[in-house]
Amino acid sequence: MYKTTIFGLDVINHYNIHKAIAAYFHEAQHIWRCDGTTAIVYSAELPKGELTLGMSCGSKEVAALVSGDVFPALLRVNACKHTGERYVPLQDQEIQAWLPAHLPGFEVTSAQFARVKSVMHKTTDTATHRITLSGYDVSAVLEVVDAEKATATMAAGVGRGRRLGFGLILPLA
């Protein structure tokens, strides 16, 4: 897995960030998170395309996870449940139980949650569509209990909305 940092992004339109990152990675499996004008991207492969938005600091291989590792991490998750007809965001009291169930290979030692809302504008030839995603910013301490499962979880991301900037587990150590 590779980590790529892209800076100088247009924070007004997250949908354009999504399109630029997808083109840069030629739709290879990747997840990303944007904070301010900087995006962090985890991908299975190195970027193959041309970056049309922002500037890349380059890519580096991510160190392998080892059972017993403990580290602080940030996550932005679009935590939802299916009602039978559609997906709806979780309530504050539901997120505490949702997180550990969606982190195979990890044990959540502690976690703090803050609700976030991300608004994207998708512009076509005829109209501009507003896409609103809500979720949680999570500050957590994670312990690797199964290195193989934890690595797969890091590569795939957590929850829904991964292609739109949710789900990336960002280790802080």
N, C-alpha and C. Protein backbone atom coordinates (compact mmCIF):
# COMPACT_ATOMS: atom_id res chain seq x y z
N MET A 1 0.85 -1.17 0.00
CA MET A 1 0.00 0.00 0.00
C MET A 1 0.90 1.24 0.00
N TYR A 2 0.45 2.28 -0.70
CA TYR A 2 1.20 3.51 -0.83
C TYR A 2 0.43 4.69 -0.26
N LYS A 3 1.15 5.64 0.27
CA LYS A 3 0.56 6.87 0.78
C LYS A 3 1.06 8.02 -0.09
N THR A 4 0.12 8.81 -0.60
CA THR A 4 0.44 9.96 -1.44
C THR A 4 -0.16 11.20 -0.80
N THR A 5 0.61 12.28 -0.73
CA THR A 5 0.11 13.54 -0.20
C THR A 5 -0.02 14.53 -1.36
N ILE A 6 -1.21 15.15 -1.43
CA ILE A 6 -1.49 16.15 -2.46
C ILE A 6 -1.90 17.43 -1.74
N PHE A 7 -1.27 18.54 -2.09
CA PHE A 7 -1.60 19.80 -1.44
C PHE A 7 -1.99 20.85 -2.47
N GLY A 8 -2.53 21.97 -1.99
CA GLY A 8 -2.94 23.05 -2.87
C GLY A 8 -4.26 22.77 -3.56
N LEU A 9 -5.17 22.08 -2.87
CA LEU A 9 -6.45 21.70 -3.47
C LEU A 9 -7.51 22.78 -3.28
N ASP A 10 -8.49 22.78 -4.15
CA ASP A 10 -9.63 23.69 -4.09
C ASP A 10 -10.64 23.15 -3.09
N VAL A 11 -10.69 23.71 -1.89
CA VAL A 11 -11.56 23.18 -0.85
C VAL A 11 -13.03 23.52 -1.08
N ILE A 12 -13.34 24.37 -2.02
CA ILE A 12 -14.71 24.74 -2.30
C ILE A 12 -15.48 23.57 -2.91
N ASN A 13 -14.84 22.79 -3.75
CA ASN A 13 -15.56 21.75 -4.47
C ASN A 13 -14.90 20.38 -4.27
N HIS A 14 -15.37 19.63 -3.28
CA HIS A 14 -14.82 18.31 -2.99
C HIS A 14 -15.08 17.31 -4.12
N TYR A 15 -16.12 17.52 -4.89
CA TYR A 15 -16.38 16.60 -6.00
C TYR A 15 -15.26 16.71 -7.03
N ASN A 16 -14.75 17.92 -7.28
CA ASN A 16 -13.62 18.08 -8.20
C ASN A 16 -12.38 17.40 -7.65
N ILE A 17 -12.19 17.44 -6.32
CA ILE A 17 -11.06 16.73 -5.71
C ILE A 17 -11.21 15.23 -5.98
N HIS A 18 -12.42 14.71 -5.76
CA HIS A 18 -12.69 13.29 -6.03
C HIS A 18 -12.34 12.94 -7.48
N LYS A 19 -12.80 13.74 -8.43
CA LYS A 19 -12.53 13.47 -9.85
C LYS A 19 -11.03 13.52 -10.15
N ALA A 20 -10.33 14.51 -9.61
CA ALA A 20 -8.90 14.65 -9.87
C ALA A 20 -8.11 13.47 -9.29
N ILE A 21 -8.46 13.04 -8.09
CA ILE A 21 -7.76 11.91 -7.47
C ILE A 21 -8.06 10.62 -8.23
N ALA A 22 -9.32 10.41 -8.63
CA ALA A 22 -9.68 9.22 -9.40
C ALA A 22 -8.90 9.16 -10.71
N ALA A 23 -8.75 10.29 -11.38
CA ALA A 23 -8.00 10.32 -12.63
C ALA A 23 -6.51 10.08 -12.39
N TYR A 24 -5.98 10.62 -11.30
CA TYR A 24 -4.56 10.48 -10.98
C TYR A 24 -4.21 9.01 -10.71
N PHE A 25 -5.15 8.28 -10.13
CA PHE A 25 -4.90 6.87 -9.80
C PHE A 25 -5.54 5.93 -10.81
N HIS A 26 -6.05 6.46 -11.91
CA HIS A 26 -6.67 5.65 -12.97
C HIS A 26 -7.65 4.63 -12.40
N GLU A 27 -8.44 5.06 -11.44
CA GLU A 27 -9.47 4.22 -10.83
C GLU A 27 -8.91 3.00 -10.11
N ALA A 28 -7.58 2.92 -9.91
CA ALA A 28 -7.02 1.85 -9.08
C ALA A 28 -7.58 2.03 -7.67
N GLN A 29 -7.68 0.95 -6.92
CA GLN A 29 -8.26 1.04 -5.58
C GLN A 29 -7.51 2.08 -4.75
N HIS A 30 -8.27 3.04 -4.24
CA HIS A 30 -7.68 4.07 -3.39
C HIS A 30 -8.75 4.65 -2.48
N ILE A 31 -8.32 5.19 -1.37
CA ILE A 31 -9.19 5.94 -0.47
C ILE A 31 -8.46 7.22 -0.12
N TRP A 32 -9.20 8.25 0.23
CA TRP A 32 -8.57 9.53 0.49
C TRP A 32 -9.31 10.29 1.57
N ARG A 33 -8.62 11.29 2.10
CA ARG A 33 -9.18 12.19 3.11
C ARG A 33 -8.61 13.57 2.83
N CYS A 34 -9.46 14.58 2.87
CA CYS A 34 -9.02 15.95 2.63
C CYS A 34 -9.23 16.78 3.88
N ASP A 35 -8.18 17.41 4.34
CA ASP A 35 -8.24 18.35 5.46
C ASP A 35 -7.69 19.67 4.96
N GLY A 36 -8.54 20.68 4.93
CA GLY A 36 -8.10 21.96 4.38
C GLY A 36 -7.78 21.80 2.91
N THR A 37 -6.59 22.21 2.52
CA THR A 37 -6.19 22.12 1.11
C THR A 37 -5.27 20.93 0.84
N THR A 38 -5.17 20.01 1.80
CA THR A 38 -4.28 18.85 1.67
C THR A 38 -5.08 17.55 1.71
N ALA A 39 -4.76 16.65 0.79
CA ALA A 39 -5.38 15.32 0.77
C ALA A 39 -4.32 14.26 0.99
N ILE A 40 -4.70 13.24 1.74
CA ILE A 40 -3.88 12.04 1.92
C ILE A 40 -4.59 10.92 1.17
N VAL A 41 -3.86 10.18 0.35
CA VAL A 41 -4.44 9.09 -0.44
C VAL A 41 -3.68 7.81 -0.13
N TYR A 42 -4.41 6.73 0.18
CA TYR A 42 -3.83 5.40 0.29
C TYR A 42 -4.27 4.64 -0.95
N SER A 43 -3.33 3.96 -1.59
CA SER A 43 -3.65 3.25 -2.83
C SER A 43 -2.88 1.94 -2.90
N ALA A 44 -3.46 1.02 -3.66
CA ALA A 44 -2.82 -0.27 -3.88
C ALA A 44 -1.62 -0.14 -4.82
N GLU A 45 -1.67 0.86 -5.70
CA GLU A 45 -0.61 1.07 -6.69
C GLU A 45 -0.16 2.52 -6.67
N LEU A 46 1.00 2.77 -7.24
CA LEU A 46 1.46 4.14 -7.40
C LEU A 46 0.57 4.87 -8.41
N PRO A 47 0.46 6.20 -8.31
CA PRO A 47 -0.35 6.94 -9.29
C PRO A 47 0.18 6.73 -10.70
N LYS A 48 -0.75 6.66 -11.65
CA LYS A 48 -0.35 6.41 -13.04
C LYS A 48 -0.76 7.53 -13.97
N GLY A 49 -1.65 8.40 -13.51
CA GLY A 49 -2.17 9.45 -14.38
C GLY A 49 -1.50 10.78 -14.12
N GLU A 50 -2.14 11.81 -14.64
CA GLU A 50 -1.65 13.18 -14.47
C GLU A 50 -2.54 13.87 -13.45
N LEU A 51 -1.93 14.57 -12.51
CA LEU A 51 -2.68 15.28 -11.49
C LEU A 51 -3.12 16.63 -12.07
N THR A 52 -4.43 16.85 -12.12
CA THR A 52 -4.97 18.06 -12.73
C THR A 52 -5.34 19.13 -11.70
N LEU A 53 -5.27 18.79 -10.43
CA LEU A 53 -5.66 19.70 -9.36
C LEU A 53 -4.67 19.54 -8.22
N GLY A 54 -4.05 20.62 -7.78
CA GLY A 54 -3.08 20.54 -6.69
C GLY A 54 -1.73 20.03 -7.16
N MET A 55 -0.86 19.77 -6.17
CA MET A 55 0.49 19.27 -6.44
C MET A 55 0.78 18.11 -5.51
N SER A 56 1.45 17.09 -6.04
CA SER A 56 1.78 15.91 -5.25
C SER A 56 3.15 16.06 -4.61
N CYS A 57 3.26 15.63 -3.36
CA CYS A 57 4.56 15.58 -2.67
C CYS A 57 5.25 14.26 -2.95
N GLY A 58 4.60 13.40 -3.73
CA GLY A 58 5.17 12.09 -4.02
C GLY A 58 4.47 11.00 -3.22
N SER A 59 4.88 9.77 -3.48
CA SER A 59 4.27 8.60 -2.83
C SER A 59 5.35 7.81 -2.12
N LYS A 60 4.94 7.17 -1.02
CA LYS A 60 5.88 6.27 -0.33
C LYS A 60 5.12 5.05 0.15
N GLU A 61 5.82 3.95 0.25
CA GLU A 61 5.21 2.72 0.71
C GLU A 61 4.95 2.82 2.21
N VAL A 62 3.79 2.33 2.63
CA VAL A 62 3.40 2.36 4.03
C VAL A 62 4.00 1.14 4.73
N ALA A 63 4.56 1.35 5.91
CA ALA A 63 5.16 0.25 6.67
C ALA A 63 4.10 -0.78 7.04
N ALA A 64 4.51 -2.03 7.08
CA ALA A 64 3.59 -3.12 7.42
C ALA A 64 3.14 -3.02 8.87
N LEU A 65 1.88 -3.39 9.11
CA LEU A 65 1.36 -3.43 10.47
C LEU A 65 1.81 -4.72 11.15
N VAL A 66 2.03 -4.64 12.46
CA VAL A 66 2.48 -5.79 13.23
C VAL A 66 1.53 -5.97 14.41
N SER A 67 1.13 -7.22 14.67
CA SER A 67 0.26 -7.48 15.81
C SER A 67 0.90 -6.94 17.08
N GLY A 68 0.10 -6.26 17.89
CA GLY A 68 0.58 -5.65 19.12
C GLY A 68 0.88 -4.17 18.98
N ASP A 69 1.00 -3.67 17.74
CA ASP A 69 1.21 -2.23 17.53
C ASP A 69 0.03 -1.45 18.10
N VAL A 70 0.31 -0.35 18.78
CA VAL A 70 -0.72 0.54 19.29
C VAL A 70 -0.37 1.94 18.80
N PHE A 71 -1.38 2.64 18.22
CA PHE A 71 -1.11 3.98 17.70
C PHE A 71 -2.39 4.82 17.71
N PRO A 72 -2.22 6.14 17.85
CA PRO A 72 -3.38 7.03 17.70
C PRO A 72 -3.69 7.18 16.21
N ALA A 73 -4.97 7.37 15.90
CA ALA A 73 -5.38 7.49 14.51
C ALA A 73 -6.56 8.44 14.39
N LEU A 74 -6.68 9.03 13.20
CA LEU A 74 -7.85 9.83 12.85
C LEU A 74 -8.62 9.10 11.77
N LEU A 75 -9.93 9.14 11.86
CA LEU A 75 -10.80 8.56 10.85
C LEU A 75 -11.92 9.55 10.59
N ARG A 76 -12.38 9.61 9.38
CA ARG A 76 -13.61 10.33 9.04
C ARG A 76 -14.51 9.28 8.42
N VAL A 77 -15.59 8.94 9.12
CA VAL A 77 -16.43 7.84 8.67
C VAL A 77 -17.84 8.31 8.37
N ASN A 78 -18.41 7.75 7.32
CA ASN A 78 -19.81 7.97 6.97
C ASN A 78 -20.56 6.77 7.52
N ALA A 79 -20.83 6.79 8.82
CA ALA A 79 -21.45 5.67 9.51
C ALA A 79 -22.96 5.69 9.29
N CYS A 80 -23.47 4.62 8.67
CA CYS A 80 -24.89 4.55 8.30
C CYS A 80 -25.47 3.20 8.70
N LYS A 81 -26.78 3.15 8.68
CA LYS A 81 -27.49 1.88 8.82
C LYS A 81 -28.56 1.84 7.74
N HIS A 82 -28.91 0.62 7.34
CA HIS A 82 -29.92 0.45 6.29
C HIS A 82 -31.27 0.26 6.94
N THR A 83 -32.25 1.04 6.52
CA THR A 83 -33.59 0.98 7.10
C THR A 83 -34.52 0.04 6.35
N GLY A 84 -34.03 -0.61 5.32
CA GLY A 84 -34.87 -1.44 4.47
C GLY A 84 -35.15 -0.76 3.15
N GLU A 85 -35.16 0.57 3.16
CA GLU A 85 -35.39 1.34 1.95
C GLU A 85 -34.17 2.14 1.53
N ARG A 86 -33.45 2.66 2.53
CA ARG A 86 -32.28 3.49 2.21
C ARG A 86 -31.33 3.52 3.41
N TYR A 87 -30.17 4.10 3.18
CA TYR A 87 -29.20 4.26 4.26
C TYR A 87 -29.45 5.59 4.96
N VAL A 88 -29.36 5.57 6.28
CA VAL A 88 -29.52 6.79 7.08
C VAL A 88 -28.34 6.90 8.03
N PRO A 89 -27.90 8.14 8.33
CA PRO A 89 -26.78 8.33 9.25
C PRO A 89 -27.10 7.81 10.65
N LEU A 90 -26.08 7.31 11.32
CA LEU A 90 -26.26 6.86 12.70
C LEU A 90 -26.45 8.04 13.63
N GLN A 91 -27.13 7.79 14.70
CA GLN A 91 -27.28 8.78 15.77
C GLN A 91 -26.04 8.73 16.66
N ASP A 92 -25.82 9.78 17.43
CA ASP A 92 -24.62 9.87 18.26
C ASP A 92 -24.45 8.66 19.18
N GLN A 93 -25.53 8.14 19.76
CA GLN A 93 -25.43 7.02 20.69
C GLN A 93 -25.12 5.70 19.98
N GLU A 94 -25.29 5.63 18.66
CA GLU A 94 -25.06 4.39 17.91
C GLU A 94 -23.62 4.23 17.41
N ILE A 95 -22.90 5.32 17.29
CA ILE A 95 -21.56 5.27 16.70
C ILE A 95 -20.57 4.51 17.57
N GLN A 96 -20.75 4.56 18.88
CA GLN A 96 -19.84 3.89 19.82
C GLN A 96 -19.79 2.38 19.54
N ALA A 97 -20.92 1.76 19.24
CA ALA A 97 -20.96 0.32 18.95
C ALA A 97 -20.61 0.03 17.49
N TRP A 98 -20.86 0.98 16.59
CA TRP A 98 -20.63 0.77 15.16
C TRP A 98 -19.13 0.66 14.86
N LEU A 99 -18.32 1.51 15.45
CA LEU A 99 -16.90 1.60 15.08
C LEU A 99 -16.13 0.29 15.26
N PRO A 100 -16.13 -0.33 16.45
CA PRO A 100 -15.35 -1.58 16.59
C PRO A 100 -15.79 -2.68 15.63
N ALA A 101 -17.07 -2.73 15.31
CA ALA A 101 -17.58 -3.76 14.41
C ALA A 101 -17.09 -3.56 12.97
N HIS A 102 -16.65 -2.35 12.64
CA HIS A 102 -16.21 -2.05 11.28
C HIS A 102 -14.69 -1.90 11.16
N LEU A 103 -13.98 -2.33 12.18
CA LEU A 103 -12.51 -2.27 12.15
C LEU A 103 -11.91 -3.66 12.38
N PRO A 104 -12.14 -4.62 11.46
CA PRO A 104 -11.55 -5.94 11.65
C PRO A 104 -10.03 -5.86 11.71
N GLY A 105 -9.47 -6.61 12.65
CA GLY A 105 -8.02 -6.61 12.83
C GLY A 105 -7.54 -5.62 13.86
N PHE A 106 -8.42 -4.72 14.27
CA PHE A 106 -8.06 -3.70 15.27
C PHE A 106 -8.93 -3.85 16.51
N GLU A 107 -8.39 -3.43 17.63
CA GLU A 107 -9.18 -3.23 18.84
C GLU A 107 -9.14 -1.74 19.14
N VAL A 108 -10.31 -1.16 19.39
CA VAL A 108 -10.40 0.26 19.70
C VAL A 108 -10.20 0.43 21.20
N THR A 109 -9.07 1.03 21.59
CA THR A 109 -8.76 1.23 23.00
C THR A 109 -9.56 2.40 23.56
N SER A 110 -9.62 3.49 22.82
CA SER A 110 -10.43 4.64 23.21
C SER A 110 -10.79 5.41 21.95
N ALA A 111 -11.90 6.16 22.03
CA ALA A 111 -12.31 6.93 20.85
C ALA A 111 -13.17 8.11 21.27
N GLN A 112 -13.01 9.21 20.52
CA GLN A 112 -13.85 10.39 20.68
C GLN A 112 -14.44 10.71 19.31
N PHE A 113 -15.71 11.18 19.31
CA PHE A 113 -16.44 11.38 18.07
C PHE A 113 -16.94 12.81 17.97
N ALA A 114 -16.90 13.36 16.75
CA ALA A 114 -17.48 14.68 16.48
C ALA A 114 -18.21 14.59 15.14
N ARG A 115 -19.47 15.00 15.11
CA ARG A 115 -20.26 14.95 13.88
C ARG A 115 -19.72 15.96 12.86
N VAL A 116 -19.63 15.53 11.59
CA VAL A 116 -19.19 16.41 10.50
C VAL A 116 -20.16 16.28 9.34
N LYS A 117 -20.17 17.29 8.51
CA LYS A 117 -21.00 17.27 7.30
C LYS A 117 -20.12 17.74 6.15
N SER A 118 -20.18 17.01 5.06
CA SER A 118 -19.41 17.35 3.87
C SER A 118 -20.40 17.63 2.74
N VAL A 119 -20.28 18.79 2.14
CA VAL A 119 -21.17 19.15 1.03
C VAL A 119 -20.34 19.22 -0.25
N MET A 120 -20.79 18.50 -1.26
CA MET A 120 -20.11 18.50 -2.55
C MET A 120 -21.04 19.04 -3.61
N HIS A 121 -20.48 19.64 -4.62
CA HIS A 121 -21.27 20.15 -5.74
C HIS A 121 -20.79 19.48 -7.01
N LYS A 122 -21.66 18.71 -7.62
CA LYS A 122 -21.35 18.02 -8.87
C LYS A 122 -21.98 18.82 -10.00
N THR A 123 -21.15 19.33 -10.89
CA THR A 123 -21.65 20.15 -11.99
C THR A 123 -21.63 19.35 -13.29
N THR A 124 -22.79 19.32 -13.95
CA THR A 124 -22.90 18.69 -15.27
C THR A 124 -23.12 19.81 -16.29
N ASP A 125 -23.34 19.43 -17.54
CA ASP A 125 -23.59 20.44 -18.57
C ASP A 125 -24.87 21.22 -18.33
N THR A 126 -25.82 20.61 -17.63
CA THR A 126 -27.13 21.25 -17.49
C THR A 126 -27.44 21.76 -16.08
N ALA A 127 -26.77 21.26 -15.06
CA ALA A 127 -27.14 21.67 -13.69
C ALA A 127 -26.01 21.39 -12.71
N THR A 128 -26.15 21.96 -11.53
CA THR A 128 -25.27 21.67 -10.42
C THR A 128 -26.07 20.93 -9.36
N HIS A 129 -25.56 19.78 -8.95
CA HIS A 129 -26.23 18.95 -7.95
C HIS A 129 -25.48 19.04 -6.63
N ARG A 130 -26.21 19.19 -5.56
CA ARG A 130 -25.61 19.26 -4.23
C ARG A 130 -25.67 17.87 -3.60
N ILE A 131 -24.51 17.38 -3.18
CA ILE A 131 -24.40 16.07 -2.53
C ILE A 131 -23.97 16.34 -1.09
N THR A 132 -24.77 15.91 -0.12
CA THR A 132 -24.43 16.11 1.28
C THR A 132 -24.15 14.77 1.93
N LEU A 133 -22.97 14.64 2.50
CA LEU A 133 -22.60 13.44 3.25
C LEU A 133 -22.38 13.84 4.70
N SER A 134 -22.94 13.08 5.61
CA SER A 134 -22.70 13.37 7.01
C SER A 134 -22.01 12.17 7.65
N GLY A 135 -21.25 12.43 8.66
CA GLY A 135 -20.53 11.36 9.32
C GLY A 135 -19.90 11.86 10.60
N TYR A 136 -18.79 11.23 10.96
CA TYR A 136 -18.10 11.55 12.20
C TYR A 136 -16.60 11.65 11.96
N ASP A 137 -15.97 12.62 12.59
CA ASP A 137 -14.52 12.61 12.74
C ASP A 137 -14.24 11.85 14.02
N VAL A 138 -13.35 10.88 13.94
CA VAL A 138 -13.06 10.02 15.08
C VAL A 138 -11.57 10.14 15.40
N SER A 139 -11.28 10.40 16.66
CA SER A 139 -9.91 10.32 17.19
C SER A 139 -9.88 9.06 18.04
N ALA A 140 -9.02 8.11 17.69
CA ALA A 140 -9.03 6.83 18.39
C ALA A 140 -7.61 6.34 18.65
N VAL A 141 -7.51 5.47 19.62
CA VAL A 141 -6.28 4.72 19.84
C VAL A 141 -6.60 3.29 19.40
N LEU A 142 -5.84 2.79 18.43
CA LEU A 142 -6.07 1.47 17.85
C LEU A 142 -4.93 0.53 18.19
N GLU A 143 -5.29 -0.72 18.46
CA GLU A 143 -4.29 -1.77 18.66
C GLU A 143 -4.48 -2.81 17.58
N VAL A 144 -3.39 -3.21 16.94
CA VAL A 144 -3.44 -4.24 15.91
C VAL A 144 -3.50 -5.60 16.61
N VAL A 145 -4.62 -6.32 16.41
CA VAL A 145 -4.76 -7.65 17.01
C VAL A 145 -4.58 -8.75 15.97
N ASP A 146 -4.79 -8.43 14.70
CA ASP A 146 -4.57 -9.37 13.61
C ASP A 146 -3.99 -8.56 12.44
N ALA A 147 -2.69 -8.69 12.23
CA ALA A 147 -1.99 -7.84 11.25
C ALA A 147 -2.56 -7.99 9.84
N GLU A 148 -2.91 -9.20 9.43
CA GLU A 148 -3.43 -9.42 8.07
C GLU A 148 -4.78 -8.73 7.88
N LYS A 149 -5.69 -8.90 8.84
CA LYS A 149 -7.01 -8.26 8.75
C LYS A 149 -6.88 -6.73 8.86
N ALA A 150 -6.00 -6.27 9.75
CA ALA A 150 -5.81 -4.83 9.93
C ALA A 150 -5.27 -4.18 8.65
N THR A 151 -4.34 -4.85 7.99
CA THR A 151 -3.80 -4.34 6.73
C THR A 151 -4.89 -4.26 5.67
N ALA A 152 -5.73 -5.28 5.60
CA ALA A 152 -6.84 -5.26 4.63
C ALA A 152 -7.82 -4.14 4.95
N THR A 153 -8.08 -3.90 6.23
CA THR A 153 -8.98 -2.83 6.64
C THR A 153 -8.39 -1.47 6.28
N MET A 154 -7.09 -1.29 6.50
CA MET A 154 -6.43 -0.03 6.14
C MET A 154 -6.53 0.22 4.64
N ALA A 155 -6.34 -0.82 3.84
CA ALA A 155 -6.36 -0.67 2.39
C ALA A 155 -7.77 -0.40 1.87
N ALA A 156 -8.79 -1.01 2.46
CA ALA A 156 -10.16 -0.87 1.98
C ALA A 156 -10.88 0.33 2.56
N GLY A 157 -10.47 0.77 3.75
CA GLY A 157 -11.17 1.86 4.41
C GLY A 157 -12.35 1.36 5.23
N VAL A 158 -13.07 2.30 5.85
CA VAL A 158 -14.12 1.97 6.81
C VAL A 158 -15.42 2.67 6.42
N GLY A 159 -16.51 1.92 6.36
CA GLY A 159 -17.82 2.51 6.17
C GLY A 159 -18.12 2.87 4.72
N ARG A 160 -19.20 3.64 4.56
CA ARG A 160 -19.63 4.09 3.23
C ARG A 160 -18.96 5.42 2.88
N GLY A 161 -19.04 5.80 1.64
CA GLY A 161 -18.52 7.10 1.20
C GLY A 161 -17.01 7.14 1.03
N ARG A 162 -16.39 5.97 0.91
CA ARG A 162 -14.92 5.93 0.82
C ARG A 162 -14.40 6.63 -0.42
N ARG A 163 -15.12 6.59 -1.51
CA ARG A 163 -14.65 7.24 -2.74
C ARG A 163 -14.85 8.76 -2.68
N LEU A 164 -15.55 9.23 -1.65
CA LEU A 164 -15.82 10.66 -1.53
C LEU A 164 -15.16 11.28 -0.30
N GLY A 165 -14.07 10.67 0.17
CA GLY A 165 -13.28 11.28 1.24
C GLY A 165 -13.53 10.75 2.63
N PHE A 166 -14.30 9.69 2.77
CA PHE A 166 -14.55 9.06 4.07
C PHE A 166 -13.85 7.72 4.14
N GLY A 167 -13.54 7.25 5.35
CA GLY A 167 -13.10 5.89 5.55
C GLY A 167 -11.61 5.66 5.74
N LEU A 168 -10.77 6.63 5.42
CA LEU A 168 -9.33 6.43 5.53
C LEU A 168 -8.91 6.44 6.99
N ILE A 169 -8.13 5.43 7.40
CA ILE A 169 -7.56 5.37 8.74
C ILE A 169 -6.18 6.03 8.65
N LEU A 170 -6.03 7.16 9.33
CA LEU A 170 -4.79 7.93 9.27
C LEU A 170 -4.01 7.77 10.58
N PRO A 171 -2.98 6.90 10.59
CA PRO A 171 -2.17 6.75 11.82
C PRO A 171 -1.41 8.03 12.09
N LEU A 172 -1.32 8.39 13.35
CA LEU A 172 -0.61 9.61 13.74
C LEU A 172 0.78 9.34 14.27
N ALA A 173 1.14 8.08 14.42
CA ALA A 173 2.47 7.77 14.94
C ALA A 173 3.32 7.08 13.89
